[in-house]
Structure formats: C-alpha cells, structure tokens
N, C-alpha and C. Protein backbone atom coordinates (compact mmCIF):
# COMPACT_ATOMS: atom_id res chain seq x y z
N MET A 1 13.40 1.51 -6.38
CA MET A 1 12.16 1.30 -5.65
C MET A 1 12.29 1.95 -4.28
N THR A 2 11.32 2.73 -3.92
CA THR A 2 11.23 3.31 -2.58
C THR A 2 9.86 3.00 -2.01
N GLU A 3 9.85 2.44 -0.81
CA GLU A 3 8.61 2.09 -0.12
C GLU A 3 8.64 2.71 1.26
N ARG A 4 7.47 3.05 1.78
CA ARG A 4 7.37 3.60 3.13
C ARG A 4 6.54 2.66 3.99
N GLY A 5 7.00 2.43 5.20
CA GLY A 5 6.29 1.58 6.15
C GLY A 5 6.21 2.25 7.50
N THR A 6 6.04 1.45 8.51
CA THR A 6 6.06 1.93 9.89
C THR A 6 7.17 1.18 10.60
N GLY A 7 7.41 1.48 11.86
CA GLY A 7 8.40 0.72 12.60
C GLY A 7 9.29 1.55 13.48
N VAL A 8 10.58 1.21 13.48
CA VAL A 8 11.59 1.86 14.31
C VAL A 8 12.48 2.69 13.39
N LYS A 9 12.42 4.02 13.56
CA LYS A 9 13.19 4.91 12.69
C LYS A 9 14.68 4.77 12.91
N GLY A 10 15.41 5.06 11.84
CA GLY A 10 16.86 5.04 11.91
C GLY A 10 17.46 5.03 10.53
N PHE A 11 18.78 4.90 10.49
CA PHE A 11 19.50 4.87 9.23
C PHE A 11 20.33 3.60 9.17
N ALA A 12 20.25 2.90 8.05
CA ALA A 12 21.06 1.69 7.85
C ALA A 12 21.25 1.49 6.36
N LYS A 13 22.38 0.87 6.03
CA LYS A 13 22.60 0.48 4.64
C LYS A 13 23.30 -0.86 4.64
N GLY A 14 23.05 -1.61 3.58
CA GLY A 14 23.67 -2.91 3.47
C GLY A 14 23.09 -3.68 2.31
N LYS A 15 23.52 -4.91 2.18
CA LYS A 15 23.00 -5.79 1.14
C LYS A 15 21.88 -6.63 1.73
N ALA A 16 20.87 -6.88 0.91
CA ALA A 16 19.70 -7.61 1.37
C ALA A 16 20.02 -9.08 1.61
N PHE A 17 19.54 -9.59 2.73
CA PHE A 17 19.55 -11.02 3.02
C PHE A 17 18.08 -11.40 3.15
N VAL A 18 17.54 -12.03 2.10
CA VAL A 18 16.11 -12.32 2.02
C VAL A 18 15.83 -13.73 2.52
N VAL A 19 14.89 -13.83 3.45
CA VAL A 19 14.49 -15.13 4.01
C VAL A 19 13.05 -15.39 3.58
N LYS A 20 12.87 -16.48 2.82
CA LYS A 20 11.54 -16.89 2.39
C LYS A 20 11.19 -18.29 2.86
N ASP A 21 12.19 -19.16 2.89
CA ASP A 21 11.98 -20.57 3.17
C ASP A 21 12.21 -20.85 4.65
N PHE A 22 11.13 -21.05 5.39
CA PHE A 22 11.23 -21.32 6.81
C PHE A 22 11.18 -22.83 7.11
N SER A 23 11.26 -23.66 6.06
CA SER A 23 11.22 -25.11 6.27
C SER A 23 12.60 -25.66 6.64
N VAL A 24 13.66 -24.88 6.42
CA VAL A 24 15.00 -25.34 6.78
C VAL A 24 15.22 -25.15 8.28
N ARG A 25 16.22 -25.83 8.81
CA ARG A 25 16.48 -25.80 10.26
C ARG A 25 16.68 -24.38 10.79
N ASN A 26 17.54 -23.61 10.14
CA ASN A 26 17.77 -22.22 10.54
C ASN A 26 17.83 -21.35 9.29
N PRO A 27 16.71 -20.72 8.93
CA PRO A 27 16.70 -19.91 7.71
C PRO A 27 17.56 -18.65 7.81
N PHE A 28 17.98 -18.29 9.03
CA PHE A 28 18.77 -17.08 9.24
C PHE A 28 20.27 -17.37 9.31
N GLU A 29 20.64 -18.62 9.09
CA GLU A 29 22.05 -19.01 9.15
C GLU A 29 22.82 -18.41 7.98
N GLY A 30 24.01 -17.93 8.25
CA GLY A 30 24.88 -17.42 7.19
C GLY A 30 24.63 -15.99 6.79
N ILE A 31 24.01 -15.20 7.65
CA ILE A 31 23.81 -13.78 7.34
C ILE A 31 25.18 -13.11 7.33
N PRO A 32 25.59 -12.53 6.19
CA PRO A 32 26.90 -11.87 6.15
C PRO A 32 26.89 -10.53 6.90
N PRO A 33 28.05 -10.07 7.35
CA PRO A 33 28.11 -8.77 8.04
C PRO A 33 27.58 -7.65 7.15
N GLY A 34 26.90 -6.69 7.77
CA GLY A 34 26.38 -5.53 7.05
C GLY A 34 25.12 -5.81 6.26
N SER A 35 24.32 -6.75 6.69
CA SER A 35 23.11 -7.14 5.95
C SER A 35 21.86 -6.44 6.46
N ILE A 36 20.94 -6.22 5.54
CA ILE A 36 19.58 -5.81 5.87
C ILE A 36 18.75 -7.08 5.77
N LEU A 37 18.15 -7.50 6.88
CA LEU A 37 17.33 -8.71 6.91
C LEU A 37 15.95 -8.40 6.35
N VAL A 38 15.54 -9.15 5.32
CA VAL A 38 14.24 -8.98 4.68
C VAL A 38 13.48 -10.29 4.86
N ALA A 39 12.29 -10.23 5.49
CA ALA A 39 11.53 -11.45 5.78
C ALA A 39 10.04 -11.13 5.84
N PRO A 40 9.20 -12.17 5.72
CA PRO A 40 7.76 -11.93 5.88
C PRO A 40 7.45 -11.38 7.27
N ALA A 41 8.10 -11.93 8.30
CA ALA A 41 7.94 -11.49 9.69
C ALA A 41 9.13 -12.02 10.47
N VAL A 42 9.38 -11.44 11.62
CA VAL A 42 10.44 -11.92 12.51
C VAL A 42 9.82 -12.03 13.90
N SER A 43 9.69 -13.26 14.37
CA SER A 43 9.07 -13.48 15.68
C SER A 43 10.13 -13.43 16.78
N LEU A 44 9.66 -13.35 18.01
CA LEU A 44 10.58 -13.36 19.14
C LEU A 44 11.38 -14.66 19.18
N SER A 45 10.75 -15.78 18.83
CA SER A 45 11.49 -17.05 18.82
C SER A 45 12.51 -17.09 17.68
N ASP A 46 12.22 -16.41 16.55
CA ASP A 46 13.20 -16.32 15.46
C ASP A 46 14.45 -15.57 15.90
N SER A 47 14.28 -14.60 16.79
CA SER A 47 15.41 -13.74 17.17
C SER A 47 16.54 -14.54 17.80
N ALA A 48 16.24 -15.68 18.39
CA ALA A 48 17.29 -16.51 18.99
C ALA A 48 18.18 -17.14 17.91
N LEU A 49 17.69 -17.21 16.68
CA LEU A 49 18.44 -17.82 15.59
C LEU A 49 19.26 -16.81 14.77
N ILE A 50 19.05 -15.53 15.02
CA ILE A 50 19.65 -14.47 14.19
C ILE A 50 20.91 -13.93 14.85
N ASP A 51 21.99 -13.83 14.07
CA ASP A 51 23.23 -13.23 14.55
C ASP A 51 23.15 -11.73 14.28
N PHE A 52 22.68 -10.97 15.28
CA PHE A 52 22.41 -9.55 15.08
C PHE A 52 23.66 -8.70 14.93
N LYS A 53 24.83 -9.24 15.22
CA LYS A 53 26.04 -8.44 14.98
C LYS A 53 26.28 -8.26 13.48
N ASN A 54 25.61 -9.07 12.65
CA ASN A 54 25.74 -8.96 11.20
C ASN A 54 24.58 -8.21 10.55
N VAL A 55 23.57 -7.84 11.32
CA VAL A 55 22.35 -7.22 10.78
C VAL A 55 22.35 -5.73 11.12
N THR A 56 22.23 -4.88 10.07
CA THR A 56 22.20 -3.44 10.29
C THR A 56 20.78 -2.88 10.29
N GLY A 57 19.81 -3.66 9.80
CA GLY A 57 18.41 -3.22 9.77
C GLY A 57 17.52 -4.36 9.33
N MET A 58 16.20 -4.18 9.52
CA MET A 58 15.22 -5.20 9.14
C MET A 58 14.08 -4.59 8.35
N VAL A 59 13.56 -5.38 7.41
CA VAL A 59 12.38 -5.02 6.62
C VAL A 59 11.46 -6.23 6.63
N THR A 60 10.18 -6.03 6.97
CA THR A 60 9.23 -7.15 6.97
C THR A 60 7.99 -6.81 6.17
N GLU A 61 7.34 -7.86 5.67
CA GLU A 61 6.09 -7.69 4.93
C GLU A 61 4.94 -7.34 5.87
N GLU A 62 4.87 -8.07 6.98
CA GLU A 62 3.77 -7.87 7.92
C GLU A 62 4.03 -6.65 8.79
N ASP A 63 2.96 -6.03 9.24
CA ASP A 63 3.06 -4.96 10.21
C ASP A 63 3.38 -5.64 11.54
N ASP A 64 4.65 -5.79 11.84
CA ASP A 64 5.18 -6.76 12.77
C ASP A 64 5.67 -6.13 14.08
N PRO A 65 4.86 -6.16 15.15
CA PRO A 65 5.31 -5.57 16.42
C PRO A 65 6.50 -6.31 17.03
N ASP A 66 6.61 -7.62 16.79
CA ASP A 66 7.77 -8.36 17.32
C ASP A 66 9.07 -7.85 16.70
N ALA A 67 9.06 -7.61 15.39
CA ALA A 67 10.26 -7.09 14.72
C ALA A 67 10.65 -5.74 15.29
N CYS A 68 9.65 -4.90 15.57
CA CYS A 68 9.94 -3.58 16.16
C CYS A 68 10.54 -3.71 17.55
N LEU A 69 9.99 -4.61 18.34
CA LEU A 69 10.49 -4.84 19.69
C LEU A 69 11.94 -5.34 19.64
N ILE A 70 12.20 -6.28 18.75
CA ILE A 70 13.56 -6.83 18.60
C ILE A 70 14.52 -5.73 18.15
N ALA A 71 14.11 -4.95 17.15
CA ALA A 71 14.96 -3.89 16.61
C ALA A 71 15.33 -2.87 17.68
N ARG A 72 14.35 -2.46 18.45
CA ARG A 72 14.64 -1.53 19.54
C ARG A 72 15.64 -2.13 20.52
N GLY A 73 15.46 -3.41 20.82
CA GLY A 73 16.34 -4.08 21.77
C GLY A 73 17.77 -4.18 21.31
N VAL A 74 17.99 -4.38 20.03
CA VAL A 74 19.37 -4.52 19.52
C VAL A 74 19.89 -3.22 18.91
N GLY A 75 19.05 -2.18 18.85
CA GLY A 75 19.50 -0.87 18.40
C GLY A 75 19.65 -0.71 16.90
N ILE A 76 18.75 -1.34 16.14
CA ILE A 76 18.77 -1.18 14.68
C ILE A 76 17.40 -0.70 14.21
N PRO A 77 17.34 -0.07 13.03
CA PRO A 77 16.04 0.32 12.50
C PRO A 77 15.29 -0.87 11.91
N ALA A 78 13.96 -0.78 11.92
CA ALA A 78 13.12 -1.81 11.30
C ALA A 78 11.96 -1.11 10.61
N VAL A 79 11.75 -1.45 9.35
CA VAL A 79 10.61 -0.93 8.60
C VAL A 79 9.69 -2.11 8.34
N VAL A 80 8.47 -2.01 8.86
CA VAL A 80 7.52 -3.12 8.76
C VAL A 80 6.32 -2.70 7.92
N GLY A 81 5.61 -3.69 7.41
CA GLY A 81 4.42 -3.42 6.61
C GLY A 81 4.71 -3.11 5.15
N ILE A 82 5.82 -3.61 4.62
CA ILE A 82 6.17 -3.42 3.21
C ILE A 82 5.68 -4.65 2.45
N LEU A 83 4.44 -4.59 1.98
CA LEU A 83 3.83 -5.74 1.31
C LEU A 83 4.63 -6.16 0.09
N GLY A 84 4.88 -7.45 -0.02
CA GLY A 84 5.59 -8.01 -1.17
C GLY A 84 7.07 -7.78 -1.18
N CYS A 85 7.65 -7.31 -0.06
CA CYS A 85 9.08 -6.99 -0.06
C CYS A 85 9.96 -8.20 -0.33
N THR A 86 9.53 -9.39 0.08
CA THR A 86 10.37 -10.57 -0.16
C THR A 86 10.36 -10.99 -1.62
N ASN A 87 9.41 -10.47 -2.40
CA ASN A 87 9.40 -10.73 -3.84
C ASN A 87 10.05 -9.60 -4.63
N LYS A 88 9.97 -8.36 -4.11
CA LYS A 88 10.53 -7.20 -4.80
C LYS A 88 12.03 -7.05 -4.55
N ILE A 89 12.48 -7.48 -3.38
CA ILE A 89 13.88 -7.35 -3.01
C ILE A 89 14.56 -8.71 -3.17
N VAL A 90 15.70 -8.71 -3.84
CA VAL A 90 16.43 -9.94 -4.13
C VAL A 90 17.69 -9.96 -3.27
N LYS A 91 18.09 -11.15 -2.84
CA LYS A 91 19.31 -11.29 -2.05
C LYS A 91 20.46 -10.61 -2.78
N GLY A 92 21.16 -9.73 -2.06
CA GLY A 92 22.29 -9.02 -2.63
C GLY A 92 21.96 -7.62 -3.12
N ASP A 93 20.68 -7.26 -3.24
CA ASP A 93 20.31 -5.89 -3.60
C ASP A 93 20.88 -4.93 -2.56
N ARG A 94 21.27 -3.75 -3.02
CA ARG A 94 21.70 -2.70 -2.08
C ARG A 94 20.46 -2.04 -1.51
N VAL A 95 20.40 -1.93 -0.19
CA VAL A 95 19.22 -1.41 0.49
C VAL A 95 19.63 -0.30 1.46
N LEU A 96 18.87 0.79 1.43
CA LEU A 96 19.01 1.86 2.41
C LEU A 96 17.74 1.92 3.24
N ILE A 97 17.88 2.09 4.53
CA ILE A 97 16.74 2.41 5.40
C ILE A 97 16.98 3.84 5.86
N ARG A 98 16.03 4.70 5.51
CA ARG A 98 16.12 6.12 5.83
C ARG A 98 14.86 6.48 6.59
N ASN A 99 14.98 6.50 7.93
CA ASN A 99 13.83 6.65 8.82
C ASN A 99 12.83 5.53 8.56
N LEU A 100 11.70 5.80 7.91
CA LEU A 100 10.73 4.74 7.63
C LEU A 100 10.61 4.44 6.15
N ASP A 101 11.60 4.86 5.37
CA ASP A 101 11.64 4.57 3.93
C ASP A 101 12.66 3.47 3.66
N VAL A 102 12.32 2.61 2.71
CA VAL A 102 13.24 1.57 2.24
C VAL A 102 13.54 1.89 0.78
N VAL A 103 14.81 2.07 0.46
CA VAL A 103 15.23 2.37 -0.91
C VAL A 103 16.08 1.20 -1.39
N VAL A 104 15.67 0.61 -2.51
CA VAL A 104 16.38 -0.55 -3.06
C VAL A 104 17.16 -0.12 -4.29
N ASN A 105 18.44 -0.51 -4.33
CA ASN A 105 19.35 -0.18 -5.42
C ASN A 105 19.31 1.31 -5.75
N PRO A 106 19.67 2.15 -4.77
CA PRO A 106 19.60 3.60 -4.97
C PRO A 106 20.66 4.10 -5.95
N ASP A 107 20.35 5.24 -6.57
CA ASP A 107 21.34 5.88 -7.44
C ASP A 107 22.32 6.67 -6.57
N LEU A 108 23.37 7.19 -7.17
CA LEU A 108 24.43 7.89 -6.44
C LEU A 108 23.89 9.11 -5.69
N GLU A 109 23.01 9.86 -6.31
CA GLU A 109 22.44 11.05 -5.67
C GLU A 109 21.68 10.68 -4.39
N THR A 110 20.93 9.60 -4.44
CA THR A 110 20.17 9.14 -3.27
C THR A 110 21.11 8.68 -2.16
N VAL A 111 22.20 8.01 -2.53
CA VAL A 111 23.18 7.57 -1.54
C VAL A 111 23.83 8.77 -0.87
N MET A 112 24.18 9.78 -1.64
CA MET A 112 24.80 10.99 -1.09
C MET A 112 23.84 11.71 -0.15
N GLU A 113 22.58 11.81 -0.54
CA GLU A 113 21.56 12.43 0.31
C GLU A 113 21.40 11.64 1.61
N PHE A 114 21.40 10.31 1.49
CA PHE A 114 21.33 9.43 2.66
C PHE A 114 22.48 9.71 3.62
N GLU A 115 23.70 9.78 3.08
CA GLU A 115 24.88 10.01 3.93
C GLU A 115 24.81 11.36 4.63
N ASP A 116 24.31 12.40 3.93
CA ASP A 116 24.15 13.72 4.54
C ASP A 116 23.14 13.67 5.70
N LEU A 117 21.99 13.04 5.46
CA LEU A 117 20.97 12.93 6.51
C LEU A 117 21.48 12.12 7.69
N ARG A 118 22.21 11.06 7.40
CA ARG A 118 22.77 10.22 8.47
C ARG A 118 23.78 11.00 9.30
N ALA A 119 24.63 11.80 8.64
CA ALA A 119 25.61 12.60 9.36
C ALA A 119 24.92 13.65 10.24
N GLN A 120 23.86 14.26 9.73
CA GLN A 120 23.11 15.23 10.53
C GLN A 120 22.50 14.57 11.76
N ALA A 121 21.94 13.38 11.56
CA ALA A 121 21.33 12.65 12.68
C ALA A 121 22.39 12.25 13.70
N ASP A 122 23.55 11.81 13.24
CA ASP A 122 24.64 11.44 14.15
C ASP A 122 25.10 12.65 14.95
N GLY A 123 25.13 13.80 14.30
CA GLY A 123 25.54 15.04 14.99
C GLY A 123 24.56 15.42 16.08
N GLN A 124 23.29 15.13 15.89
CA GLN A 124 22.29 15.45 16.90
C GLN A 124 22.37 14.51 18.09
N LEU A 125 22.94 13.33 17.90
CA LEU A 125 23.05 12.36 18.99
C LEU A 125 24.31 12.54 19.82
N ARG A 126 25.25 13.33 19.34
CA ARG A 126 26.53 13.48 20.02
C ARG A 126 26.36 14.38 21.26
N PHE A 127 27.02 14.01 22.31
CA PHE A 127 27.00 14.79 23.54
C PHE A 127 28.33 15.52 23.69
N ASP A 128 28.28 16.81 23.89
CA ASP A 128 29.49 17.60 24.13
C ASP A 128 29.47 18.07 25.58
N PHE A 129 30.27 17.44 26.41
CA PHE A 129 30.31 17.80 27.83
C PHE A 129 31.46 18.72 28.11
C-alpha cells in the first residue's frame, strides 16, 4: 500500500505503532525505538506524552497542523491526511516515509530505492568546509 498526503517531508523507516484507543491514561506509552507513530491526530497536549527519541516519523488520518508543528520541532517527517490509516496499518507493519508518501510493507525493490533516495538526500545536507 502506498498513500500520499501532506505534511513535513523527509525519510523515515520503522515499524508501525498504531494508536486508536485514547481512553487509556497514556495511549502513547511503550512506543519501541524506531517506530512510526500512526494515529487519528496528534495534538500539542499529546506531544507531552510521547517519547520522541523512539519515534522516527508520524502518520495521521486528519490533515493535522499540530502534528506538522510537532514534527518540525523534533526533526522528524510527518505525513498527514491519510484517511483510514489507523485501519489500514496494523501495529508492527513495516512502514517507509518517503517525502510525502507512506509505503506499508514494501517489497525489496522499494526498500532499495528508498535507501538510494535517502542517501542522495543525506549527501545534499552534508556541509564540506
């Protein structure tokens, strides 16, 4: 599955951590390192509950300006406006964020293409003084 949204461009890969149940005390508790956070929305008040050292990217259902603001602040990509993502993506799915595309359970060719694009982008960010 590949979906395109809007948000904060970048490259990230990881396993999906899907949050659907907001009735628990902290729905973001226990996010493992290297996770892509998938949620209906991420508010500014939610950000206080999230351990961002374990989050490599975010995907939200709503066209969520708060998620974009948070992502920019912590330096990770966020793709917002992916309708139904919390139903299409299951906890543990392999997820790639490639600019504004979300790829779920990619094949080997897609992963290799992702790594090439990521390396090119990293090379453009490097400063040679």
